[in-house]
Amino acid sequence: MTRLQTAILSLLLSSAVIGSRALAAEAELTLVIKDHRFEPPEIKVPAGQRVRLIVHNQDATPEEFESHDLNREKVIPAGAKVTIYIGPLKAGRYGFYGEYNEASAKGTVIAE
């Protein structure tokens, strides 16, 4: 191979590695609100990585995703989906709840 071909191949390979790291760095999870409860009530995420949390409110009323631990607050209209980004998080447990139905809508993010 010529120097130019070697340089181009090296650049392409490094771009592929960087691109795959970027994709791996952001996990996506779905959280459903149904009957004023979060399903699943516990979600596990990789520690040290940013996570895209898709929250789908299947109830006929709005709900507010609230978490002091995660520093997040977002109203999810009835029947809607919203995206909430969390992390990167240190290993541990992070609580969240539905502000409009606090007695039943509770959950935990577990970063491992």
N, C-alpha and C. Protein backbone atom coordinates (compact mmCIF):
# COMPACT_ATOMS: atom_id res chain seq x y z
N MET A 1 0.83 -1.18 0.00
CA MET A 1 0.00 0.00 0.00
C MET A 1 0.88 1.25 0.00
N THR A 2 0.37 2.26 -0.62
CA THR A 2 1.08 3.53 -0.61
C THR A 2 0.83 4.24 0.72
N ARG A 3 1.61 5.26 0.99
CA ARG A 3 1.42 6.03 2.23
C ARG A 3 0.04 6.66 2.28
N LEU A 4 -0.41 7.16 1.12
CA LEU A 4 -1.72 7.80 1.07
C LEU A 4 -2.83 6.79 1.37
N GLN A 5 -2.75 5.61 0.78
CA GLN A 5 -3.75 4.57 1.05
C GLN A 5 -3.74 4.16 2.52
N THR A 6 -2.55 4.03 3.10
CA THR A 6 -2.44 3.67 4.51
C THR A 6 -3.05 4.76 5.39
N ALA A 7 -2.80 6.01 5.06
CA ALA A 7 -3.34 7.13 5.84
C ALA A 7 -4.87 7.17 5.74
N ILE A 8 -5.40 6.95 4.55
CA ILE A 8 -6.85 6.95 4.36
C ILE A 8 -7.49 5.79 5.12
N LEU A 9 -6.89 4.61 5.03
CA LEU A 9 -7.42 3.45 5.75
C LEU A 9 -7.39 3.69 7.25
N SER A 10 -6.32 4.26 7.75
CA SER A 10 -6.19 4.57 9.18
C SER A 10 -7.26 5.57 9.61
N LEU A 11 -7.50 6.58 8.79
CA LEU A 11 -8.52 7.59 9.09
C LEU A 11 -9.92 6.97 9.11
N LEU A 12 -10.21 6.11 8.15
CA LEU A 12 -11.51 5.46 8.10
C LEU A 12 -11.73 4.55 9.31
N LEU A 13 -10.70 3.80 9.69
CA LEU A 13 -10.82 2.91 10.84
C LEU A 13 -11.00 3.70 12.14
N SER A 14 -10.27 4.77 12.30
CA SER A 14 -10.41 5.56 13.53
C SER A 14 -11.77 6.24 13.58
N SER A 15 -12.30 6.68 12.44
CA SER A 15 -13.64 7.26 12.39
C SER A 15 -14.70 6.24 12.78
N ALA A 16 -14.54 5.00 12.32
CA ALA A 16 -15.48 3.94 12.65
C ALA A 16 -15.45 3.64 14.15
N VAL A 17 -14.27 3.62 14.73
CA VAL A 17 -14.14 3.37 16.18
C VAL A 17 -14.77 4.49 16.97
N ILE A 18 -14.50 5.74 16.59
CA ILE A 18 -15.08 6.89 17.29
C ILE A 18 -16.60 6.87 17.15
N GLY A 19 -17.10 6.58 15.95
CA GLY A 19 -18.54 6.52 15.73
C GLY A 19 -19.21 5.44 16.55
N SER A 20 -18.58 4.27 16.65
CA SER A 20 -19.17 3.18 17.43
C SER A 20 -19.14 3.51 18.92
N ARG A 21 -18.12 4.22 19.38
CA ARG A 21 -18.09 4.65 20.79
C ARG A 21 -19.20 5.64 21.07
N ALA A 22 -19.45 6.54 20.13
CA ALA A 22 -20.51 7.53 20.33
C ALA A 22 -21.87 6.84 20.42
N LEU A 23 -22.08 5.82 19.57
CA LEU A 23 -23.34 5.09 19.62
C LEU A 23 -23.46 4.30 20.91
N ALA A 24 -22.39 3.68 21.34
CA ALA A 24 -22.41 2.88 22.55
C ALA A 24 -22.52 3.75 23.79
N ALA A 25 -22.11 5.01 23.69
CA ALA A 25 -22.09 5.89 24.85
C ALA A 25 -23.49 6.33 25.26
N GLU A 26 -24.46 6.19 24.40
CA GLU A 26 -25.79 6.65 24.74
C GLU A 26 -26.80 5.52 24.59
N ALA A 27 -27.19 4.95 25.71
CA ALA A 27 -28.20 3.89 25.71
C ALA A 27 -29.58 4.53 25.62
N GLU A 28 -30.57 3.75 25.18
CA GLU A 28 -31.95 4.23 25.13
C GLU A 28 -32.84 3.23 25.85
N LEU A 29 -33.65 3.73 26.76
CA LEU A 29 -34.58 2.90 27.51
C LEU A 29 -35.98 3.50 27.43
N THR A 30 -36.99 2.66 27.54
CA THR A 30 -38.37 3.13 27.51
C THR A 30 -39.02 2.90 28.87
N LEU A 31 -39.70 3.91 29.34
CA LEU A 31 -40.44 3.88 30.59
C LEU A 31 -41.88 4.22 30.25
N VAL A 32 -42.83 3.40 30.70
CA VAL A 32 -44.24 3.60 30.39
C VAL A 32 -44.98 4.05 31.65
N ILE A 33 -45.88 4.99 31.47
CA ILE A 33 -46.81 5.38 32.54
C ILE A 33 -48.16 4.78 32.18
N LYS A 34 -48.66 3.90 33.04
CA LYS A 34 -49.95 3.25 32.79
C LYS A 34 -50.63 3.03 34.13
N ASP A 35 -51.90 3.42 34.22
CA ASP A 35 -52.66 3.32 35.46
C ASP A 35 -51.95 4.06 36.60
N HIS A 36 -51.37 5.20 36.25
CA HIS A 36 -50.68 6.09 37.22
C HIS A 36 -49.51 5.40 37.90
N ARG A 37 -48.84 4.51 37.17
CA ARG A 37 -47.66 3.81 37.67
C ARG A 37 -46.60 3.80 36.57
N PHE A 38 -45.34 3.76 36.98
CA PHE A 38 -44.24 3.61 36.03
C PHE A 38 -43.96 2.13 35.83
N GLU A 39 -43.80 1.74 34.57
CA GLU A 39 -43.45 0.37 34.21
C GLU A 39 -42.23 0.38 33.31
N PRO A 40 -41.18 -0.28 33.64
CA PRO A 40 -40.95 -0.97 34.90
C PRO A 40 -40.65 0.03 36.02
N PRO A 41 -40.90 -0.36 37.26
CA PRO A 41 -40.64 0.57 38.36
C PRO A 41 -39.15 0.77 38.66
N GLU A 42 -38.32 -0.15 38.19
CA GLU A 42 -36.87 0.00 38.32
C GLU A 42 -36.24 -0.17 36.94
N ILE A 43 -35.34 0.74 36.62
CA ILE A 43 -34.61 0.60 35.36
C ILE A 43 -33.12 0.65 35.67
N LYS A 44 -32.38 -0.21 35.00
CA LYS A 44 -30.93 -0.27 35.19
C LYS A 44 -30.25 0.41 34.01
N VAL A 45 -29.28 1.26 34.34
CA VAL A 45 -28.53 1.98 33.32
C VAL A 45 -27.04 1.78 33.59
N PRO A 46 -26.23 1.89 32.55
CA PRO A 46 -24.79 1.77 32.77
C PRO A 46 -24.25 3.02 33.46
N ALA A 47 -23.50 2.83 34.52
CA ALA A 47 -22.87 3.96 35.21
C ALA A 47 -21.87 4.61 34.26
N GLY A 48 -21.78 5.93 34.35
CA GLY A 48 -20.80 6.65 33.55
C GLY A 48 -21.21 6.92 32.12
N GLN A 49 -22.44 6.59 31.75
CA GLN A 49 -22.91 6.82 30.38
C GLN A 49 -24.18 7.65 30.39
N ARG A 50 -24.31 8.49 29.39
CA ARG A 50 -25.54 9.25 29.19
C ARG A 50 -26.60 8.29 28.65
N VAL A 51 -27.84 8.49 29.10
CA VAL A 51 -28.94 7.61 28.71
C VAL A 51 -30.10 8.45 28.19
N ARG A 52 -30.69 7.98 27.10
CA ARG A 52 -31.89 8.60 26.55
C ARG A 52 -33.07 7.80 27.09
N LEU A 53 -33.89 8.44 27.90
CA LEU A 53 -35.06 7.80 28.50
C LEU A 53 -36.30 8.28 27.75
N ILE A 54 -36.98 7.35 27.09
CA ILE A 54 -38.22 7.66 26.40
C ILE A 54 -39.36 7.34 27.36
N VAL A 55 -40.14 8.35 27.74
CA VAL A 55 -41.24 8.15 28.66
C VAL A 55 -42.54 8.26 27.88
N HIS A 56 -43.31 7.16 27.88
CA HIS A 56 -44.58 7.10 27.14
C HIS A 56 -45.73 7.08 28.13
N ASN A 57 -46.50 8.15 28.14
CA ASN A 57 -47.66 8.24 29.02
C ASN A 57 -48.87 7.63 28.32
N GLN A 58 -49.27 6.44 28.75
CA GLN A 58 -50.42 5.77 28.16
C GLN A 58 -51.72 6.09 28.89
N ASP A 59 -51.64 6.92 29.93
CA ASP A 59 -52.84 7.31 30.67
C ASP A 59 -53.60 8.41 29.93
N ALA A 60 -54.85 8.63 30.33
CA ALA A 60 -55.70 9.66 29.73
C ALA A 60 -55.49 11.03 30.38
N THR A 61 -54.57 11.10 31.34
CA THR A 61 -54.28 12.36 32.02
C THR A 61 -52.77 12.62 31.96
N PRO A 62 -52.36 13.89 32.06
CA PRO A 62 -50.92 14.17 32.06
C PRO A 62 -50.25 13.69 33.34
N GLU A 63 -48.95 13.53 33.27
CA GLU A 63 -48.15 13.19 34.45
C GLU A 63 -46.86 13.98 34.36
N GLU A 64 -46.27 14.26 35.52
CA GLU A 64 -44.99 14.95 35.54
C GLU A 64 -43.92 14.03 36.08
N PHE A 65 -42.91 13.76 35.25
CA PHE A 65 -41.75 13.00 35.70
C PHE A 65 -40.92 13.95 36.54
N GLU A 66 -40.70 13.58 37.79
CA GLU A 66 -39.99 14.44 38.73
C GLU A 66 -38.90 13.64 39.43
N SER A 67 -37.68 14.20 39.49
CA SER A 67 -36.60 13.56 40.22
C SER A 67 -35.62 14.61 40.71
N HIS A 68 -35.56 14.74 42.02
CA HIS A 68 -34.56 15.63 42.61
C HIS A 68 -33.19 14.98 42.48
N ASP A 69 -33.12 13.65 42.61
CA ASP A 69 -31.85 12.92 42.50
C ASP A 69 -31.21 13.11 41.12
N LEU A 70 -32.05 13.11 40.08
CA LEU A 70 -31.56 13.23 38.71
C LEU A 70 -31.59 14.67 38.19
N ASN A 71 -32.18 15.56 38.99
CA ASN A 71 -32.33 16.96 38.61
C ASN A 71 -33.13 17.09 37.29
N ARG A 72 -34.25 16.38 37.24
CA ARG A 72 -35.11 16.40 36.05
C ARG A 72 -36.56 16.61 36.45
N GLU A 73 -37.28 17.31 35.57
CA GLU A 73 -38.70 17.58 35.77
C GLU A 73 -39.30 17.80 34.38
N LYS A 74 -40.29 16.99 34.03
CA LYS A 74 -40.86 17.09 32.69
C LYS A 74 -42.31 16.64 32.70
N VAL A 75 -43.21 17.47 32.20
CA VAL A 75 -44.62 17.11 32.07
C VAL A 75 -44.78 16.29 30.80
N ILE A 76 -45.50 15.16 30.93
CA ILE A 76 -45.78 14.29 29.79
C ILE A 76 -47.29 14.32 29.56
N PRO A 77 -47.74 14.94 28.48
CA PRO A 77 -49.19 14.99 28.21
C PRO A 77 -49.78 13.58 28.03
N ALA A 78 -51.08 13.48 28.22
CA ALA A 78 -51.78 12.21 28.02
C ALA A 78 -51.50 11.67 26.63
N GLY A 79 -51.13 10.38 26.55
CA GLY A 79 -50.89 9.72 25.28
C GLY A 79 -49.60 10.10 24.58
N ALA A 80 -48.79 10.94 25.17
CA ALA A 80 -47.58 11.44 24.51
C ALA A 80 -46.33 10.69 24.94
N LYS A 81 -45.27 10.88 24.16
CA LYS A 81 -43.94 10.37 24.48
C LYS A 81 -43.01 11.58 24.57
N VAL A 82 -42.13 11.56 25.55
CA VAL A 82 -41.11 12.60 25.66
C VAL A 82 -39.75 11.93 25.87
N THR A 83 -38.72 12.64 25.54
CA THR A 83 -37.35 12.16 25.75
C THR A 83 -36.73 12.95 26.88
N ILE A 84 -36.16 12.23 27.82
CA ILE A 84 -35.45 12.84 28.95
C ILE A 84 -34.05 12.24 28.96
N TYR A 85 -33.04 13.09 28.94
CA TYR A 85 -31.66 12.62 29.01
C TYR A 85 -31.20 12.63 30.45
N ILE A 86 -30.58 11.54 30.86
CA ILE A 86 -30.02 11.45 32.21
C ILE A 86 -28.58 10.97 32.13
N GLY A 87 -27.81 11.35 33.12
CA GLY A 87 -26.43 10.90 33.20
C GLY A 87 -25.47 11.77 32.44
N PRO A 88 -24.22 11.34 32.47
CA PRO A 88 -23.71 10.11 33.06
C PRO A 88 -23.84 10.13 34.58
N LEU A 89 -24.17 8.96 35.14
CA LEU A 89 -24.42 8.83 36.57
C LEU A 89 -23.33 7.99 37.23
N LYS A 90 -23.06 8.32 38.48
CA LYS A 90 -22.20 7.46 39.30
C LYS A 90 -23.03 6.26 39.71
N ALA A 91 -22.38 5.16 40.03
CA ALA A 91 -23.10 3.96 40.48
C ALA A 91 -23.94 4.33 41.70
N GLY A 92 -25.19 3.87 41.70
CA GLY A 92 -26.08 4.16 42.82
C GLY A 92 -27.53 4.09 42.41
N ARG A 93 -28.39 4.51 43.32
CA ARG A 93 -29.84 4.48 43.12
C ARG A 93 -30.36 5.92 43.09
N TYR A 94 -31.24 6.18 42.13
CA TYR A 94 -31.79 7.52 41.92
C TYR A 94 -33.31 7.40 41.81
N GLY A 95 -34.01 8.02 42.74
CA GLY A 95 -35.47 7.93 42.75
C GLY A 95 -36.12 8.92 41.81
N PHE A 96 -37.32 8.54 41.33
CA PHE A 96 -38.17 9.45 40.55
C PHE A 96 -39.61 9.14 40.89
N TYR A 97 -40.50 10.07 40.58
CA TYR A 97 -41.92 9.88 40.86
C TYR A 97 -42.75 10.72 39.92
N GLY A 98 -44.04 10.42 39.88
CA GLY A 98 -44.99 11.22 39.12
C GLY A 98 -45.62 12.23 40.07
N GLU A 99 -45.37 13.48 39.82
CA GLU A 99 -45.82 14.51 40.76
C GLU A 99 -47.35 14.56 40.89
N TYR A 100 -48.08 14.22 39.84
CA TYR A 100 -49.54 14.29 39.89
C TYR A 100 -50.16 13.06 40.57
N ASN A 101 -49.41 11.98 40.69
CA ASN A 101 -49.89 10.74 41.32
C ASN A 101 -48.77 10.16 42.18
N GLU A 102 -48.30 10.95 43.10
CA GLU A 102 -47.13 10.60 43.89
C GLU A 102 -47.27 9.31 44.69
N ALA A 103 -48.49 8.99 45.11
CA ALA A 103 -48.70 7.78 45.92
C ALA A 103 -48.45 6.50 45.12
N SER A 104 -48.73 6.52 43.83
CA SER A 104 -48.62 5.29 43.04
C SER A 104 -47.50 5.34 41.99
N ALA A 105 -47.17 6.49 41.48
CA ALA A 105 -46.19 6.62 40.41
C ALA A 105 -44.81 6.86 41.00
N LYS A 106 -44.09 5.76 41.28
CA LYS A 106 -42.76 5.83 41.87
C LYS A 106 -41.83 4.90 41.12
N GLY A 107 -40.56 5.27 41.09
CA GLY A 107 -39.59 4.41 40.44
C GLY A 107 -38.18 4.72 40.85
N THR A 108 -37.26 3.89 40.37
CA THR A 108 -35.85 4.02 40.70
C THR A 108 -34.99 3.74 39.47
N VAL A 109 -33.99 4.58 39.28
CA VAL A 109 -32.95 4.32 38.29
C VAL A 109 -31.77 3.73 39.06
N ILE A 110 -31.28 2.60 38.60
CA ILE A 110 -30.12 1.97 39.24
C ILE A 110 -28.96 2.03 38.24
N ALA A 111 -27.94 2.78 38.60
CA ALA A 111 -26.75 2.88 37.75
C ALA A 111 -25.72 1.89 38.25
N GLU A 112 -25.26 1.00 37.36
CA GLU A 112 -24.26 -0.02 37.73
C GLU A 112 -23.12 -0.02 36.73
